[in-house]
Amino acid sequence: MIYEFLKRITDILGSLFGLIVFSPLILLISLAIKLDSKGPVMADTPMRAGKNGKLFKIYKFRSMVENAHEILEKNPKLLEEYKKNGYKIFNDPRVTRAGKFIRKYSFDEFPQFFNILRGDMSLVGPRAYYPYELEEQQQHYPESKKYVKVILSGKPGLTGVWQVTGRSEINFDKRVKMDADYVKRKSIFYDFWIIIKTVPAVISGRGAV
């Protein structure tokens, strides 16, 4: 389809543009992470569900202490809060000093430009969900199953509808409906509108945890 072709061209050009323009900032963030805490620059994150449910490795700057996921699994109190709050922890003790800053302004997402070049993701799309997140949340919200099916027919995005309208403030059931509505809409003009709206959303840091 014309939409898919234009979307892929936009993804390639947009991600290349982002990597070139933000290269000085990417270097500074990498240096800040290394100086701030022990561990690699890139986060060791679990696999995400991509198009048609295919799992892929998402690239993100490390904003937490080393072995953050192991720490979560071994701490019942943290794990309970993580699941109770829709897979997020407010004032997460695992987040580093540099991590608080880069998470607030979504700088940790910059490496996903490489995911976009690879074809795992798009500039605009649904959230890149964890497989276990989709499975567990659909049990809590059975009506969300129809939306998840639609979401997995498209590629996840670096930004999307829910990111520009509240981010972590939006619960799973509302988020997946928004994402499904986006996938069904298939409009390159709507994509550009979301990209434009992303700038003030990132600057404000609203909904970031």
Protein backbone atom coordinates (compact mmCIF):
# COMPACT_ATOMS: atom_id res chain seq x y z
CA MET A 1 0.00 0.00 0.00
CA ILE A 2 1.02 3.62 -0.54
CA TYR A 3 0.77 4.32 3.19
CA GLU A 4 3.23 1.56 4.11
CA PHE A 5 5.68 2.73 1.42
CA LEU A 6 5.53 6.38 2.52
CA LYS A 7 5.76 5.37 6.17
CA ARG A 8 8.92 3.31 5.57
CA ILE A 9 10.56 6.13 3.59
CA THR A 10 9.66 8.56 6.38
CA ASP A 11 11.07 6.15 8.98
CA ILE A 12 14.41 5.79 7.17
CA LEU A 13 14.86 9.50 6.49
CA GLY A 14 13.58 10.52 9.92
CA SER A 15 15.81 8.12 11.86
CA LEU A 16 18.89 9.09 9.85
CA PHE A 17 18.09 12.76 10.44
CA GLY A 18 17.64 12.12 14.16
CA LEU A 19 20.92 10.25 14.50
CA ILE A 20 22.83 12.99 12.69
CA VAL A 21 21.22 15.98 14.45
CA PHE A 22 21.30 14.46 17.92
CA SER A 23 24.73 12.82 17.61
CA PRO A 24 26.43 15.39 19.94
CA LEU A 25 23.70 14.87 22.55
CA ILE A 26 23.92 11.10 22.16
CA LEU A 27 27.66 11.27 22.90
CA LEU A 28 27.10 13.50 25.95
CA ILE A 29 24.38 11.18 27.30
CA SER A 30 26.66 8.16 26.82
CA LEU A 31 29.44 9.92 28.74
CA ALA A 32 27.09 11.01 31.53
CA ILE A 33 25.82 7.44 32.01
CA LYS A 34 29.35 6.04 32.23
CA LEU A 35 30.49 8.70 34.72
CA ASP A 36 27.37 8.49 36.84
CA SER A 37 27.13 4.78 37.61
CA LYS A 38 28.67 1.39 37.05
CA GLY A 39 27.46 -0.59 34.05
CA PRO A 40 27.05 -0.44 30.27
CA VAL A 41 25.72 2.58 28.38
CA MET A 42 22.88 0.56 26.85
CA ALA A 43 20.11 -0.97 28.94
CA ASP A 44 19.68 -4.73 29.11
CA THR A 45 15.93 -4.71 28.56
CA PRO A 46 13.62 -7.71 28.03
CA MET A 47 12.41 -8.44 24.50
CA ARG A 48 9.40 -6.51 23.18
CA ALA A 49 6.47 -7.60 21.02
CA GLY A 50 6.71 -6.22 17.49
CA LYS A 51 4.63 -6.61 14.36
CA ASN A 52 2.68 -9.88 14.31
CA GLY A 53 3.94 -10.55 17.83
CA LYS A 54 7.53 -11.09 16.68
CA LEU A 55 9.95 -10.43 19.53
CA PHE A 56 12.77 -7.94 19.08
CA LYS A 57 15.51 -6.32 21.14
CA ILE A 58 14.78 -2.66 21.79
CA TYR A 59 17.71 -0.27 22.14
CA LYS A 60 17.60 2.17 25.06
CA PHE A 61 20.14 4.12 27.08
CA ARG A 62 20.58 2.68 30.58
CA SER A 63 18.75 4.86 33.08
CA MET A 64 18.82 2.39 35.97
CA VAL A 65 21.44 0.65 38.04
CA GLU A 66 23.09 -2.45 36.64
CA ASN A 67 20.94 -5.63 36.77
CA ALA A 68 17.80 -3.56 37.42
CA HIS A 69 15.43 -6.31 36.25
CA GLU A 70 17.03 -8.88 38.56
CA ILE A 71 16.66 -6.45 41.46
CA LEU A 72 12.98 -6.02 40.62
CA GLU A 73 12.31 -9.75 40.50
CA LYS A 74 14.00 -10.28 43.88
CA ASN A 75 12.14 -7.44 45.64
CA PRO A 76 8.49 -8.45 46.32
CA LYS A 77 7.49 -4.92 47.39
CA LEU A 78 8.86 -3.32 44.23
CA LEU A 79 7.41 -6.06 42.03
CA GLU A 80 3.97 -5.59 43.58
CA GLU A 81 4.08 -1.82 42.95
CA TYR A 82 5.36 -2.40 39.42
CA LYS A 83 2.40 -4.58 38.46
CA LYS A 84 -0.18 -2.63 40.48
CA ASN A 85 0.70 0.64 38.71
CA GLY A 86 0.56 -0.72 35.18
CA TYR A 87 4.22 -1.83 34.92
CA LYS A 88 5.76 1.35 36.27
CA ILE A 89 7.19 2.48 39.61
CA PHE A 90 6.93 6.08 40.76
CA ASN A 91 10.15 7.31 42.36
CA ASP A 92 11.85 4.06 41.34
CA PRO A 93 14.93 3.55 43.57
CA ARG A 94 16.71 1.74 40.72
CA VAL A 95 16.85 4.89 38.58
CA THR A 96 20.25 6.62 38.58
CA ARG A 97 20.86 10.38 38.88
CA ALA A 98 21.58 10.66 35.16
CA GLY A 99 18.66 8.32 34.51
CA LYS A 100 16.14 10.65 36.15
CA PHE A 101 17.06 13.39 33.72
CA ILE A 102 17.19 11.35 30.53
CA ARG A 103 13.93 9.56 31.36
CA LYS A 104 12.07 12.79 32.05
CA TYR A 105 12.88 14.13 28.58
CA SER A 106 12.85 10.71 26.83
CA PHE A 107 16.55 10.92 25.92
CA ASP A 108 16.84 7.23 26.81
CA GLU A 109 14.76 6.50 23.70
CA PHE A 110 17.28 7.96 21.19
CA PRO A 111 18.95 4.58 20.41
CA GLN A 112 15.61 3.40 19.02
CA PHE A 113 16.49 5.27 15.84
CA PHE A 114 18.59 2.15 15.13
CA ASN A 115 15.52 -0.06 15.67
CA ILE A 116 13.68 2.09 13.13
CA LEU A 117 16.48 1.74 10.57
CA ARG A 118 16.42 -2.04 11.08
CA GLY A 119 12.68 -2.11 10.46
CA ASP A 120 11.72 -3.32 13.95
CA MET A 121 9.95 -0.04 14.74
CA SER A 122 8.53 3.11 13.15
CA LEU A 123 8.86 6.75 14.09
CA VAL A 124 5.15 6.70 14.99
CA GLY A 125 3.22 3.69 16.21
CA PRO A 126 1.78 1.87 19.22
CA ARG A 127 3.79 1.38 22.39
CA ALA A 128 6.41 -1.39 22.23
CA TYR A 129 4.79 -3.68 24.81
CA TYR A 130 6.42 -6.44 26.82
CA PRO A 131 4.88 -9.83 25.91
CA TYR A 132 4.13 -10.59 29.57
CA GLU A 133 2.57 -7.14 29.95
CA LEU A 134 0.11 -7.88 27.15
CA GLU A 135 -0.69 -11.31 28.54
CA GLU A 136 -1.23 -10.22 32.14
CA GLN A 137 -3.07 -6.99 31.37
CA GLN A 138 -5.51 -8.72 29.03
CA GLN A 139 -6.51 -10.88 31.98
CA HIS A 140 -7.33 -7.74 33.97
CA TYR A 141 -9.02 -6.04 31.00
CA PRO A 142 -10.66 -8.81 28.88
CA GLU A 143 -12.23 -6.20 26.59
CA SER A 144 -8.73 -5.13 25.53
CA LYS A 145 -8.06 -8.35 23.59
CA LYS A 146 -9.63 -6.99 20.40
CA TYR A 147 -7.42 -3.91 20.61
CA VAL A 148 -4.22 -5.87 21.22
CA LYS A 149 -4.87 -7.95 18.10
CA VAL A 150 -5.05 -4.74 16.02
CA ILE A 151 -1.96 -3.28 17.68
CA LEU A 152 0.17 -6.31 16.82
CA SER A 153 -0.73 -5.91 13.13
CA GLY A 154 1.49 -2.80 13.04
CA LYS A 155 5.00 -1.83 14.11
CA PRO A 156 5.58 -0.20 17.49
CA GLY A 157 6.72 3.41 17.40
CA LEU A 158 9.29 5.71 18.95
CA THR A 159 6.36 8.02 19.65
CA GLY A 160 2.61 7.62 19.38
CA VAL A 161 -0.80 8.87 20.37
CA TRP A 162 -0.59 7.94 24.05
CA GLN A 163 2.90 9.43 24.38
CA VAL A 164 1.65 12.87 23.34
CA THR A 165 -1.47 12.72 25.50
CA GLY A 166 -0.23 11.71 28.93
CA ARG A 167 2.33 8.87 28.63
CA SER A 168 2.44 6.91 31.91
CA GLU A 169 -0.63 8.71 33.25
CA ILE A 170 -2.85 6.64 30.91
CA ASN A 171 -3.98 3.17 32.03
CA PHE A 172 -3.55 0.07 29.88
CA ASP A 173 -7.19 -0.27 28.77
CA LYS A 174 -7.34 3.30 27.46
CA ARG A 175 -3.83 3.13 26.02
CA VAL A 176 -4.46 0.03 23.88
CA LYS A 177 -7.68 1.51 22.52
CA MET A 178 -5.79 4.65 21.50
CA ASP A 179 -3.04 2.56 19.91
CA ALA A 180 -5.55 0.36 18.04
CA ASP A 181 -7.41 3.42 16.73
CA TYR A 182 -4.10 4.78 15.45
CA VAL A 183 -3.20 1.55 13.62
CA LYS A 184 -6.61 1.42 11.92
CA ARG A 185 -6.42 5.07 10.85
CA LYS A 186 -3.36 4.67 8.58
CA SER A 187 -2.68 8.30 7.74
CA ILE A 188 0.77 9.73 6.98
CA PHE A 189 -0.59 13.21 7.78
CA TYR A 190 -1.68 11.96 11.20
CA ASP A 191 1.85 10.59 11.69
CA PHE A 192 3.32 14.03 11.01
CA TRP A 193 0.82 15.61 13.41
CA ILE A 194 1.92 13.20 16.18
CA ILE A 195 5.60 13.92 15.48
CA ILE A 196 4.93 17.66 15.80
CA LYS A 197 2.98 17.11 19.05
CA THR A 198 5.84 14.99 20.42
CA VAL A 199 8.16 18.01 20.77
CA PRO A 200 6.14 19.90 23.44
CA ALA A 201 5.23 16.59 25.15
CA VAL A 202 8.92 15.72 25.54
CA ILE A 203 9.92 19.23 26.64
CA SER A 204 7.24 19.27 29.33
CA GLY A 205 8.24 15.83 30.61
CA ARG A 206 4.58 15.17 31.46
CA GLY A 207 3.76 11.60 32.46
CA ALA A 208 7.39 10.47 32.57
CA VAL A 209 8.49 8.11 35.36
